[in-house]
Amino acid sequence: MYNEPIFLQPVFQERIWGGKKLRTEFNYPITSENTGEAWVISAHPNGPNRIANGPSEGKTLADIWKENGELFNKSSTNTEDYPLLVKILDANADLSVQVHPDDKFASEVEGQPYGKTECWYVLSADSDAEIILGHHANSRDELEQMLDSGQWEGLLQRIKVQAGDFIYVPSGTIHAIGKGIVILETQQSSDITYRVYDYDRVGADGQTRELHLDRAKEVTTVPHQPAGVHQTVKTIEGLTIKKLVKEKYFTVYHWQLDGKVNQRLENDFLQVSVIEGKAEITVDGNTFTIEKGSNFILPYTVKEYELSGNAEFVVSHT
């Protein structure tokens, strides 16, 4: 079953800060001018992808995770729910400043299976684009005082970014994506967000969005701990593989394909997003065209595959 890639149909989410780059840059079929997110590999209840090919076409990724665990070697993962979620985000305006809980807090307080550790690969960015990553408070008392009094300029740590940058964001990290940035986000399959600051924006209903300062005070790491990552690069035939991060919840790579390469699947499953170019993937004699905006999973039942063409990918696994 499924000796081929499992292609997924994106789920689109409108956001107050969203734009139209998911249409103009990825040719996704959206009509809204404020689409902020494409959930491109997701089994989360708030946006599960449907399968676009093969014997389970029309079912959701959550369905086949539950019914066909052999596709993911599920018995070895020791997780009840599909563990990862991949999104593409278009920040047409600044995202809210926020923080996410860890697994323990998510389970005990929210009754959810996962907290949220995430990472970002910057696909494009304006020349003056910035992110918020971390804070300057030296103690929890100082953090709480600065949050309560709205000392945002003194509290928040800003960093300039450009296309090709990679940012690792463990749970407990105060963060925000800035205006003019498009990212691919790989994260735990969680949608728990504690909003710290939202620039006093008013939504279509005339109301400001809810903040969650009490929860944020509980889960924020103090003092901020910069998350260093060890990156490695290797080339196999026409494929350059850059390991961006290998941490508890996921390993993420950037692949640059220039030519042809044969690969063995060495993981329980592999998540693949095409972020530039066009290529072909061949499995068991069947060839599939993939291009910028394509997202698929190579299941455990695929043992070998061939890639050919000129394309860039962000690839991940547990």
C-alpha atoms as a PDB file:
ATOM      1  CA  MET A   1       0.000   0.000   0.000  1.00  0.00           C
ATOM      2  CA  TYR A   2       1.289   3.406  -1.013  1.00  0.00           C
ATOM      3  CA  ASN A   3       4.509   2.530  -2.713  1.00  0.00           C
ATOM      4  CA  GLU A   4       4.438   6.165  -3.801  1.00  0.00           C
ATOM      5  CA  PRO A   5       4.507   9.653  -2.243  1.00  0.00           C
ATOM      6  CA  ILE A   6       1.402  10.718  -0.288  1.00  0.00           C
ATOM      7  CA  PHE A   7       0.475  14.138  -1.714  1.00  0.00           C
ATOM      8  CA  LEU A   8      -1.497  16.527   0.517  1.00  0.00           C
ATOM      9  CA  GLN A   9      -3.983  19.303  -0.200  1.00  0.00           C
ATOM     10  CA  PRO A  10      -3.171  22.488   1.777  1.00  0.00           C
ATOM     11  CA  VAL A  11      -5.622  23.990   4.259  1.00  0.00           C
ATOM     12  CA  PHE A  12      -5.701  27.794   4.223  1.00  0.00           C
ATOM     13  CA  GLN A  13      -6.194  29.985   7.285  1.00  0.00           C
ATOM     14  CA  GLU A  14      -7.159  33.656   7.166  1.00  0.00           C
ATOM     15  CA  ARG A  15      -5.317  35.874   9.638  1.00  0.00           C
ATOM     16  CA  ILE A  16      -5.490  39.565  10.540  1.00  0.00           C
ATOM     17  CA  TRP A  17      -1.835  39.855   9.497  1.00  0.00           C
ATOM     18  CA  GLY A  18      -2.086  37.738   6.315  1.00  0.00           C
ATOM     19  CA  GLY A  19      -1.648  38.765   2.682  1.00  0.00           C
ATOM     20  CA  LYS A  20      -1.754  37.280  -0.816  1.00  0.00           C
ATOM     21  CA  LYS A  21       1.757  35.852  -1.317  1.00  0.00           C
ATOM     22  CA  LEU A  22       0.500  32.295  -0.887  1.00  0.00           C
ATOM     23  CA  ARG A  23      -1.271  32.903  -4.200  1.00  0.00           C
ATOM     24  CA  THR A  24       1.302  35.030  -5.983  1.00  0.00           C
ATOM     25  CA  GLU A  25       4.403  33.073  -4.892  1.00  0.00           C
ATOM     26  CA  PHE A  26       3.031  29.528  -4.573  1.00  0.00           C
ATOM     27  CA  ASN A  27       0.079  29.604  -6.985  1.00  0.00           C
ATOM     28  CA  TYR A  28      -2.235  28.294  -4.282  1.00  0.00           C
ATOM     29  CA  PRO A  29      -5.955  28.706  -5.088  1.00  0.00           C
ATOM     30  CA  ILE A  30      -6.842  31.406  -2.575  1.00  0.00           C
ATOM     31  CA  THR A  31      -9.093  34.385  -3.177  1.00  0.00           C
ATOM     32  CA  SER A  32      -8.701  36.208   0.140  1.00  0.00           C
ATOM     33  CA  GLU A  33      -6.335  39.155   0.477  1.00  0.00           C
ATOM     34  CA  ASN A  34      -5.455  38.195   4.062  1.00  0.00           C
ATOM     35  CA  THR A  35      -4.594  34.499   3.940  1.00  0.00           C
ATOM     36  CA  GLY A  36      -1.882  34.113   6.541  1.00  0.00           C
ATOM     37  CA  GLU A  37      -1.196  30.394   6.641  1.00  0.00           C
ATOM     38  CA  ALA A  38      -1.187  27.317   4.459  1.00  0.00           C
ATOM     39  CA  TRP A  39      -1.151  24.191   6.606  1.00  0.00           C
ATOM     40  CA  VAL A  40       0.624  21.958   4.131  1.00  0.00           C
ATOM     41  CA  ILE A  41       1.379  18.830   6.198  1.00  0.00           C
ATOM     42  CA  SER A  42      -1.155  18.577   8.987  1.00  0.00           C
ATOM     43  CA  ALA A  43      -3.255  16.063  10.883  1.00  0.00           C
ATOM     44  CA  HIS A  44      -4.272  18.633  13.504  1.00  0.00           C
ATOM     45  CA  PRO A  45      -8.045  18.943  14.142  1.00  0.00           C
ATOM     46  CA  ASN A  46      -7.919  22.669  13.325  1.00  0.00           C
ATOM     47  CA  GLY A  47      -6.688  21.990   9.780  1.00  0.00           C
ATOM     48  CA  PRO A  48      -6.216  18.392   8.655  1.00  0.00           C
ATOM     49  CA  ASN A  49      -4.980  17.860   5.089  1.00  0.00           C
ATOM     50  CA  ARG A  50      -6.807  15.584   2.680  1.00  0.00           C
ATOM     51  CA  ILE A  51      -4.901  13.012   0.671  1.00  0.00           C
ATOM     52  CA  ALA A  52      -4.705  13.889  -3.037  1.00  0.00           C
ATOM     53  CA  ASN A  53      -3.681  10.517  -4.555  1.00  0.00           C
ATOM     54  CA  GLY A  54      -3.625   6.771  -4.124  1.00  0.00           C
ATOM     55  CA  PRO A  55      -5.968   4.353  -2.362  1.00  0.00           C
ATOM     56  CA  SER A  56      -6.737   6.783   0.494  1.00  0.00           C
ATOM     57  CA  GLU A  57      -7.510   9.767  -1.749  1.00  0.00           C
ATOM     58  CA  GLY A  58     -10.040  12.031  -0.026  1.00  0.00           C
ATOM     59  CA  LYS A  59      -9.286  10.789   3.466  1.00  0.00           C
ATOM     60  CA  THR A  60      -7.399  13.011   5.886  1.00  0.00           C
ATOM     61  CA  LEU A  61      -3.863  12.551   7.123  1.00  0.00           C
ATOM     62  CA  ALA A  62      -5.383  12.010  10.577  1.00  0.00           C
ATOM     63  CA  ASP A  63      -7.516   9.188   9.137  1.00  0.00           C
ATOM     64  CA  ILE A  64      -4.623   7.256   7.665  1.00  0.00           C
ATOM     65  CA  TRP A  65      -2.396   7.844  10.699  1.00  0.00           C
ATOM     66  CA  LYS A  66      -5.130   6.145  12.737  1.00  0.00           C
ATOM     67  CA  GLU A  67      -6.144   3.448  10.255  1.00  0.00           C
ATOM     68  CA  ASN A  68      -2.886   2.691   8.425  1.00  0.00           C
ATOM     69  CA  GLY A  69      -0.139   3.106  10.976  1.00  0.00           C
ATOM     70  CA  GLU A  70       2.171   0.878   8.936  1.00  0.00           C
ATOM     71  CA  LEU A  71       2.645   3.792   6.523  1.00  0.00           C
ATOM     72  CA  PHE A  72       4.530   5.636   9.265  1.00  0.00           C
ATOM     73  CA  ASN A  73       5.979   2.717  11.219  1.00  0.00           C
ATOM     74  CA  LYS A  74       3.659   4.080  13.889  1.00  0.00           C
ATOM     75  CA  SER A  75       4.438   1.298  16.373  1.00  0.00           C
ATOM     76  CA  SER A  76       7.929   2.776  16.803  1.00  0.00           C
ATOM     77  CA  THR A  77       6.810   6.401  17.320  1.00  0.00           C
ATOM     78  CA  ASN A  78       5.051   5.866  20.659  1.00  0.00           C
ATOM     79  CA  THR A  79       2.648   8.735  19.909  1.00  0.00           C
ATOM     80  CA  GLU A  80      -1.130   8.606  19.734  1.00  0.00           C
ATOM     81  CA  ASP A  81      -1.433  11.602  17.381  1.00  0.00           C
ATOM     82  CA  TYR A  82       0.509  12.534  14.252  1.00  0.00           C
ATOM     83  CA  PRO A  83       3.432  14.402  15.830  1.00  0.00           C
ATOM     84  CA  LEU A  84       4.371  17.164  13.359  1.00  0.00           C
ATOM     85  CA  LEU A  85       2.808  20.064  11.471  1.00  0.00           C
ATOM     86  CA  VAL A  86       4.257  22.066   8.567  1.00  0.00           C
ATOM     87  CA  LYS A  87       2.956  25.514   7.575  1.00  0.00           C
ATOM     88  CA  ILE A  88       3.844  28.282   5.158  1.00  0.00           C
ATOM     89  CA  LEU A  89       3.170  31.729   6.634  1.00  0.00           C
ATOM     90  CA  ASP A  90       2.823  35.064   4.833  1.00  0.00           C
ATOM     91  CA  ALA A  91       3.356  37.919   7.282  1.00  0.00           C
ATOM     92  CA  ASN A  92       1.877  40.895   5.428  1.00  0.00           C
ATOM     93  CA  ALA A  93       1.875  42.646   8.827  1.00  0.00           C
ATOM     94  CA  ASP A  94       3.594  41.910  12.133  1.00  0.00           C
ATOM     95  CA  LEU A  95       2.355  38.794  13.900  1.00  0.00           C
ATOM     96  CA  SER A  96       1.419  39.101  17.549  1.00  0.00           C
ATOM     97  CA  VAL A  97       4.162  38.595  20.110  1.00  0.00           C
ATOM     98  CA  GLN A  98       3.522  35.179  21.634  1.00  0.00           C
ATOM     99  CA  VAL A  99       4.868  32.168  23.487  1.00  0.00           C
ATOM    100  CA  HIS A 100       4.009  28.458  23.515  1.00  0.00           C
ATOM    101  CA  PRO A 101       3.977  25.909  26.347  1.00  0.00           C
ATOM    102  CA  ASP A 102       5.969  22.703  26.619  1.00  0.00           C
ATOM    103  CA  ASP A 103       4.429  19.217  26.582  1.00  0.00           C
ATOM    104  CA  LYS A 104       3.993  19.027  30.349  1.00  0.00           C
ATOM    105  CA  PHE A 105       2.104  22.323  30.597  1.00  0.00           C
ATOM    106  CA  ALA A 106       0.025  21.538  27.494  1.00  0.00           C
ATOM    107  CA  SER A 107      -1.025  18.203  28.973  1.00  0.00           C
ATOM    108  CA  GLU A 108      -1.655  19.312  32.543  1.00  0.00           C
ATOM    109  CA  VAL A 109      -3.282  22.696  31.871  1.00  0.00           C
ATOM    110  CA  GLU A 110      -4.735  22.522  28.351  1.00  0.00           C
ATOM    111  CA  GLY A 111      -5.460  18.792  28.119  1.00  0.00           C
ATOM    112  CA  GLN A 112      -3.599  18.646  24.792  1.00  0.00           C
ATOM    113  CA  PRO A 113      -1.019  16.028  23.745  1.00  0.00           C
ATOM    114  CA  TYR A 114       1.719  18.404  22.595  1.00  0.00           C
ATOM    115  CA  GLY A 115       3.257  21.708  23.491  1.00  0.00           C
ATOM    116  CA  LYS A 116       4.844  23.679  20.704  1.00  0.00           C
ATOM    117  CA  THR A 117       8.481  23.769  19.778  1.00  0.00           C
ATOM    118  CA  GLU A 118       8.925  25.091  16.242  1.00  0.00           C
ATOM    119  CA  CYS A 119      11.482  26.278  13.701  1.00  0.00           C
ATOM    120  CA  TRP A 120      11.397  28.624  10.722  1.00  0.00           C
ATOM    121  CA  TYR A 121      13.089  28.546   7.332  1.00  0.00           C
ATOM    122  CA  VAL A 122      12.901  32.047   5.824  1.00  0.00           C
ATOM    123  CA  LEU A 123      11.673  31.781   2.224  1.00  0.00           C
ATOM    124  CA  SER A 124      11.647  35.509   1.481  1.00  0.00           C
ATOM    125  CA  ALA A 125      12.035  38.728   3.431  1.00  0.00           C
ATOM    126  CA  ASP A 126      11.940  42.469   2.826  1.00  0.00           C
ATOM    127  CA  SER A 127      15.286  44.249   3.155  1.00  0.00           C
ATOM    128  CA  ASP A 128      14.403  45.652   6.590  1.00  0.00           C
ATOM    129  CA  ALA A 129      12.589  42.563   7.904  1.00  0.00           C
ATOM    130  CA  GLU A 130      12.934  41.635  11.575  1.00  0.00           C
ATOM    131  CA  ILE A 131      11.752  38.938  13.923  1.00  0.00           C
ATOM    132  CA  ILE A 132      11.323  39.022  17.678  1.00  0.00           C
ATOM    133  CA  LEU A 133      13.199  36.206  19.376  1.00  0.00           C
ATOM    134  CA  GLY A 134      13.590  36.254  23.132  1.00  0.00           C
ATOM    135  CA  HIS A 135      13.529  38.969  25.794  1.00  0.00           C
ATOM    136  CA  HIS A 136      15.845  41.006  28.028  1.00  0.00           C
ATOM    137  CA  ALA A 137      14.325  40.294  31.459  1.00  0.00           C
ATOM    138  CA  ASN A 138      16.798  38.843  33.954  1.00  0.00           C
ATOM    139  CA  SER A 139      14.271  37.388  36.397  1.00  0.00           C
ATOM    140  CA  ARG A 140      10.655  36.280  36.425  1.00  0.00           C
ATOM    141  CA  ASP A 141       9.723  39.267  38.605  1.00  0.00           C
ATOM    142  CA  GLU A 142      11.302  41.611  36.063  1.00  0.00           C
ATOM    143  CA  LEU A 143       9.530  39.810  33.195  1.00  0.00           C
ATOM    144  CA  GLU A 144       6.160  40.125  34.903  1.00  0.00           C
ATOM    145  CA  GLN A 145       6.729  43.812  35.715  1.00  0.00           C
ATOM    146  CA  MET A 146       7.711  44.614  32.121  1.00  0.00           C
ATOM    147  CA  LEU A 147       4.758  42.670  30.712  1.00  0.00           C
ATOM    148  CA  ASP A 148       2.299  44.352  33.083  1.00  0.00           C
ATOM    149  CA  SER A 149       3.588  47.832  32.283  1.00  0.00           C
ATOM    150  CA  GLY A 150       3.929  47.249  28.539  1.00  0.00           C
ATOM    151  CA  GLN A 151       7.663  47.978  28.304  1.00  0.00           C
ATOM    152  CA  TRP A 152       7.858  46.364  24.882  1.00  0.00           C
ATOM    153  CA  GLU A 153      10.889  48.165  23.490  1.00  0.00           C
ATOM    154  CA  GLY A 154      12.933  47.334  26.561  1.00  0.00           C
ATOM    155  CA  LEU A 155      11.689  43.771  26.834  1.00  0.00           C
ATOM    156  CA  LEU A 156      11.680  42.346  23.314  1.00  0.00           C
ATOM    157  CA  GLN A 157      14.781  41.218  21.445  1.00  0.00           C
ATOM    158  CA  ARG A 158      14.719  41.984  17.695  1.00  0.00           C
ATOM    159  CA  ILE A 159      16.828  40.293  15.016  1.00  0.00           C
ATOM    160  CA  LYS A 160      17.150  41.105  11.311  1.00  0.00           C
ATOM    161  CA  VAL A 161      16.588  38.193   8.917  1.00  0.00           C
ATOM    162  CA  GLN A 162      16.932  37.425   5.221  1.00  0.00           C
ATOM    163  CA  ALA A 163      15.970  34.632   2.847  1.00  0.00           C
ATOM    164  CA  GLY A 164      17.724  31.377   3.715  1.00  0.00           C
ATOM    165  CA  ASP A 165      17.979  32.071   7.444  1.00  0.00           C
ATOM    166  CA  PHE A 166      16.925  29.350   9.871  1.00  0.00           C
ATOM    167  CA  ILE A 167      15.549  30.005  13.357  1.00  0.00           C
ATOM    168  CA  TYR A 168      14.917  27.404  16.057  1.00  0.00           C
ATOM    169  CA  VAL A 169      12.193  28.385  18.564  1.00  0.00           C
ATOM    170  CA  PRO A 170      11.881  26.066  21.582  1.00  0.00           C
ATOM    171  CA  SER A 171       8.734  26.191  23.705  1.00  0.00           C
ATOM    172  CA  GLY A 172       8.949  28.964  26.296  1.00  0.00           C
ATOM    173  CA  THR A 173      10.548  31.412  23.826  1.00  0.00           C
ATOM    174  CA  ILE A 174       8.819  34.772  23.325  1.00  0.00           C
ATOM    175  CA  HIS A 175       8.762  35.364  19.571  1.00  0.00           C
ATOM    176  CA  ALA A 176       7.046  36.978  16.586  1.00  0.00           C
ATOM    177  CA  ILE A 177       7.455  36.996  12.819  1.00  0.00           C
ATOM    178  CA  GLY A 178       7.749  40.512  11.439  1.00  0.00           C
ATOM    179  CA  LYS A 179       6.100  42.205   8.480  1.00  0.00           C
ATOM    180  CA  GLY A 180       7.385  41.294   5.025  1.00  0.00           C
ATOM    181  CA  ILE A 181       8.544  37.761   5.830  1.00  0.00           C
ATOM    182  CA  VAL A 182       7.404  34.448   4.337  1.00  0.00           C
ATOM    183  CA  ILE A 183       8.496  31.353   6.243  1.00  0.00           C
ATOM    184  CA  LEU A 184       8.095  27.617   6.213  1.00  0.00           C
ATOM    185  CA  GLU A 185       7.468  26.480   9.779  1.00  0.00           C
ATOM    186  CA  THR A 186       8.061  22.962  11.073  1.00  0.00           C
ATOM    187  CA  GLN A 187       6.570  22.375  14.510  1.00  0.00           C
ATOM    188  CA  GLN A 188       4.989  19.968  16.915  1.00  0.00           C
ATOM    189  CA  SER A 189       1.346  19.302  16.036  1.00  0.00           C
ATOM    190  CA  SER A 190      -0.053  21.897  18.420  1.00  0.00           C
ATOM    191  CA  ASP A 191      -2.144  25.045  18.085  1.00  0.00           C
ATOM    192  CA  ILE A 192      -1.682  26.428  21.617  1.00  0.00           C
ATOM    193  CA  THR A 193      -0.622  30.076  21.542  1.00  0.00           C
ATOM    194  CA  TYR A 194      -0.407  32.557  24.408  1.00  0.00           C
ATOM    195  CA  ARG A 195      -0.578  36.053  22.971  1.00  0.00           C
ATOM    196  CA  VAL A 196       1.573  38.606  24.799  1.00  0.00           C
ATOM    197  CA  TYR A 197       1.179  41.759  22.690  1.00  0.00           C
ATOM    198  CA  ASP A 198      -0.806  42.537  19.540  1.00  0.00           C
ATOM    199  CA  TYR A 199       0.031  46.191  18.815  1.00  0.00           C
ATOM    200  CA  ASP A 200      -3.489  47.159  20.025  1.00  0.00           C
ATOM    201  CA  ARG A 201      -4.903  46.063  16.660  1.00  0.00           C
ATOM    202  CA  VAL A 202      -8.634  45.981  16.130  1.00  0.00           C
ATOM    203  CA  GLY A 203     -10.211  43.141  14.155  1.00  0.00           C
ATOM    204  CA  ALA A 204     -13.180  43.180  11.774  1.00  0.00           C
ATOM    205  CA  ASP A 205     -15.474  42.938  14.780  1.00  0.00           C
ATOM    206  CA  GLY A 206     -14.099  46.195  16.168  1.00  0.00           C
ATOM    207  CA  GLN A 207     -12.452  44.437  19.101  1.00  0.00           C
ATOM    208  CA  THR A 208      -8.842  43.899  20.081  1.00  0.00           C
ATOM    209  CA  ARG A 209      -7.724  40.283  20.233  1.00  0.00           C
ATOM    210  CA  GLU A 210      -7.459  38.517  23.566  1.00  0.00           C
ATOM    211  CA  LEU A 211      -4.127  38.484  25.369  1.00  0.00           C
ATOM    212  CA  HIS A 212      -2.954  35.644  27.638  1.00  0.00           C
ATOM    213  CA  LEU A 213      -0.474  37.324  29.976  1.00  0.00           C
ATOM    214  CA  ASP A 214      -1.068  35.045  32.967  1.00  0.00           C
ATOM    215  CA  ARG A 215      -0.305  31.921  30.950  1.00  0.00           C
ATOM    216  CA  ALA A 216       2.635  33.625  29.225  1.00  0.00           C
ATOM    217  CA  LYS A 217       4.191  34.489  32.574  1.00  0.00           C
ATOM    218  CA  GLU A 218       3.983  30.836  33.594  1.00  0.00           C
ATOM    219  CA  VAL A 219       5.548  29.285  30.497  1.00  0.00           C
ATOM    220  CA  THR A 220       8.184  31.820  29.375  1.00  0.00           C
ATOM    221  CA  THR A 221      11.786  30.738  29.932  1.00  0.00           C
ATOM    222  CA  VAL A 222      13.615  33.251  32.160  1.00  0.00           C
ATOM    223  CA  PRO A 223      16.226  34.395  31.440  1.00  0.00           C
ATOM    224  CA  HIS A 224      16.031  33.864  27.686  1.00  0.00           C
ATOM    225  CA  GLN A 225      18.230  30.993  26.512  1.00  0.00           C
ATOM    226  CA  PRO A 226      19.557  31.462  22.945  1.00  0.00           C
ATOM    227  CA  ALA A 227      18.986  28.230  21.042  1.00  0.00           C
ATOM    228  CA  GLY A 228      22.156  27.360  19.186  1.00  0.00           C
ATOM    229  CA  VAL A 229      22.023  24.606  16.586  1.00  0.00           C
ATOM    230  CA  HIS A 230      24.795  22.541  15.008  1.00  0.00           C
ATOM    231  CA  GLN A 231      24.462  22.427  11.220  1.00  0.00           C
ATOM    232  CA  THR A 232      26.220  20.070   8.809  1.00  0.00           C
ATOM    233  CA  VAL A 233      26.411  19.849   5.004  1.00  0.00           C
ATOM    234  CA  LYS A 234      27.034  16.884   2.727  1.00  0.00           C
ATOM    235  CA  THR A 235      26.603  16.236  -0.993  1.00  0.00           C
ATOM    236  CA  ILE A 236      25.392  12.955  -2.516  1.00  0.00           C
ATOM    237  CA  GLU A 237      25.529  12.932  -6.326  1.00  0.00           C
ATOM    238  CA  GLY A 238      23.323  15.876  -7.384  1.00  0.00           C
ATOM    239  CA  LEU A 239      21.874  16.557  -3.928  1.00  0.00           C
ATOM    240  CA  THR A 240      23.336  18.885  -1.289  1.00  0.00           C
ATOM    241  CA  ILE A 241      21.869  18.154   2.135  1.00  0.00           C
ATOM    242  CA  LYS A 242      22.143  20.769   4.890  1.00  0.00           C
ATOM    243  CA  LYS A 243      21.006  19.551   8.292  1.00  0.00           C
ATOM    244  CA  LEU A 244      19.454  22.629   9.902  1.00  0.00           C
ATOM    245  CA  VAL A 245      18.514  21.208  13.288  1.00  0.00           C
ATOM    246  CA  LYS A 246      18.353  17.877  15.063  1.00  0.00           C
ATOM    247  CA  GLU A 247      16.471  18.177  18.316  1.00  0.00           C
ATOM    248  CA  LYS A 248      14.038  16.211  20.494  1.00  0.00           C
ATOM    249  CA  TYR A 249      10.927  16.626  18.346  1.00  0.00           C
ATOM    250  CA  PHE A 250      12.200  16.869  14.782  1.00  0.00           C
ATOM    251  CA  THR A 251      15.152  16.900  12.431  1.00  0.00           C
ATOM    252  CA  VAL A 252      14.929  19.437   9.599  1.00  0.00           C
ATOM    253  CA  TYR A 253      17.009  19.761   6.424  1.00  0.00           C
ATOM    254  CA  HIS A 254      17.399  22.039   3.434  1.00  0.00           C
ATOM    255  CA  TRP A 255      17.972  20.057   0.222  1.00  0.00           C
ATOM    256  CA  GLN A 256      19.346  21.577  -2.999  1.00  0.00           C
ATOM    257  CA  LEU A 257      18.828  19.293  -6.005  1.00  0.00           C
ATOM    258  CA  ASP A 258      20.842  19.912  -9.175  1.00  0.00           C
ATOM    259  CA  GLY A 259      20.650  16.801 -11.302  1.00  0.00           C
ATOM    260  CA  LYS A 260      19.751  13.275 -10.290  1.00  0.00           C
ATOM    261  CA  VAL A 261      20.126  11.244  -7.110  1.00  0.00           C
ATOM    262  CA  ASN A 262      18.963   7.877  -5.817  1.00  0.00           C
ATOM    263  CA  GLN A 263      18.057   7.720  -2.149  1.00  0.00           C
ATOM    264  CA  ARG A 264      17.004   5.144   0.420  1.00  0.00           C
ATOM    265  CA  LEU A 265      14.340   6.032   2.964  1.00  0.00           C
ATOM    266  CA  GLU A 266      16.063   5.625   6.311  1.00  0.00           C
ATOM    267  CA  ASN A 267      13.339   7.064   8.569  1.00  0.00           C
ATOM    268  CA  ASP A 268       9.833   6.086   9.656  1.00  0.00           C
ATOM    269  CA  PHE A 269       8.532   8.671   7.180  1.00  0.00           C
ATOM    270  CA  LEU A 270       9.816  11.815   5.500  1.00  0.00           C
ATOM    271  CA  GLN A 271       7.955  15.133   5.119  1.00  0.00           C
ATOM    272  CA  VAL A 272       8.901  17.053   1.958  1.00  0.00           C
ATOM    273  CA  SER A 273       7.978  20.591   0.854  1.00  0.00           C
ATOM    274  CA  VAL A 274       9.202  21.982  -2.470  1.00  0.00           C
ATOM    275  CA  ILE A 275      10.150  25.619  -1.916  1.00  0.00           C
ATOM    276  CA  GLU A 276      11.713  26.457  -5.298  1.00  0.00           C
ATOM    277  CA  GLY A 277      12.026  24.938  -8.763  1.00  0.00           C
ATOM    278  CA  LYS A 278      10.623  21.838 -10.396  1.00  0.00           C
ATOM    279  CA  ALA A 279      11.663  18.191 -10.320  1.00  0.00           C
ATOM    280  CA  GLU A 280      10.490  14.608 -10.619  1.00  0.00           C
ATOM    281  CA  ILE A 281      10.352  11.863  -8.035  1.00  0.00           C
ATOM    282  CA  THR A 282      10.294   8.236  -9.157  1.00  0.00           C
ATOM    283  CA  VAL A 283       9.203   5.380  -6.905  1.00  0.00           C
ATOM    284  CA  ASP A 284       8.977   1.776  -8.127  1.00  0.00           C
ATOM    285  CA  GLY A 285       9.003   2.903 -11.765  1.00  0.00           C
ATOM    286  CA  ASN A 286       6.253   5.525 -11.332  1.00  0.00           C
ATOM    287  CA  THR A 287       7.247   9.158 -11.846  1.00  0.00           C
ATOM    288  CA  PHE A 288       5.538  12.188 -10.278  1.00  0.00           C
ATOM    289  CA  THR A 289       6.166  15.848 -11.132  1.00  0.00           C
ATOM    290  CA  ILE A 290       6.788  18.081  -8.126  1.00  0.00           C
ATOM    291  CA  GLU A 291       7.220  21.847  -8.081  1.00  0.00           C
ATOM    292  CA  LYS A 292       7.244  24.867  -5.797  1.00  0.00           C
ATOM    293  CA  GLY A 293       4.252  24.508  -3.482  1.00  0.00           C
ATOM    294  CA  SER A 294       4.099  20.687  -3.630  1.00  0.00           C
ATOM    295  CA  ASN A 295       3.983  18.920  -0.259  1.00  0.00           C
ATOM    296  CA  PHE A 296       4.087  15.197   0.338  1.00  0.00           C
ATOM    297  CA  ILE A 297       5.082  12.446   2.712  1.00  0.00           C
ATOM    298  CA  LEU A 298       7.308   9.548   1.759  1.00  0.00           C
ATOM    299  CA  PRO A 299       5.805   6.725   3.832  1.00  0.00           C
ATOM    300  CA  TYR A 300       7.641   3.871   5.523  1.00  0.00           C
ATOM    301  CA  THR A 301       6.462   1.570   2.725  1.00  0.00           C
ATOM    302  CA  VAL A 302       8.721   3.415   0.241  1.00  0.00           C
ATOM    303  CA  LYS A 303      12.232   2.004   0.462  1.00  0.00           C
ATOM    304  CA  GLU A 304      13.984   3.700  -2.456  1.00  0.00           C
ATOM    305  CA  TYR A 305      13.280   6.724  -4.642  1.00  0.00           C
ATOM    306  CA  GLU A 306      14.952   8.849  -7.305  1.00  0.00           C
ATOM    307  CA  LEU A 307      14.926  12.640  -7.542  1.00  0.00           C
ATOM    308  CA  SER A 308      15.830  14.500 -10.728  1.00  0.00           C
ATOM    309  CA  GLY A 309      15.663  18.158 -11.712  1.00  0.00           C
ATOM    310  CA  ASN A 310      16.538  21.512 -10.178  1.00  0.00           C
ATOM    311  CA  ALA A 311      14.681  22.321  -6.982  1.00  0.00           C
ATOM    312  CA  GLU A 312      14.970  23.227  -3.305  1.00  0.00           C
ATOM    313  CA  PHE A 313      13.209  21.396  -0.504  1.00  0.00           C
ATOM    314  CA  VAL A 314      12.645  21.658   3.230  1.00  0.00           C
ATOM    315  CA  VAL A 315      12.546  18.106   4.562  1.00  0.00           C
ATOM    316  CA  SER A 316      11.808  16.829   8.053  1.00  0.00           C
ATOM    317  CA  HIS A 317      11.165  13.763  10.175  1.00  0.00           C
ATOM    318  CA  THR A 318      10.709  12.886  13.836  1.00  0.00           C
END
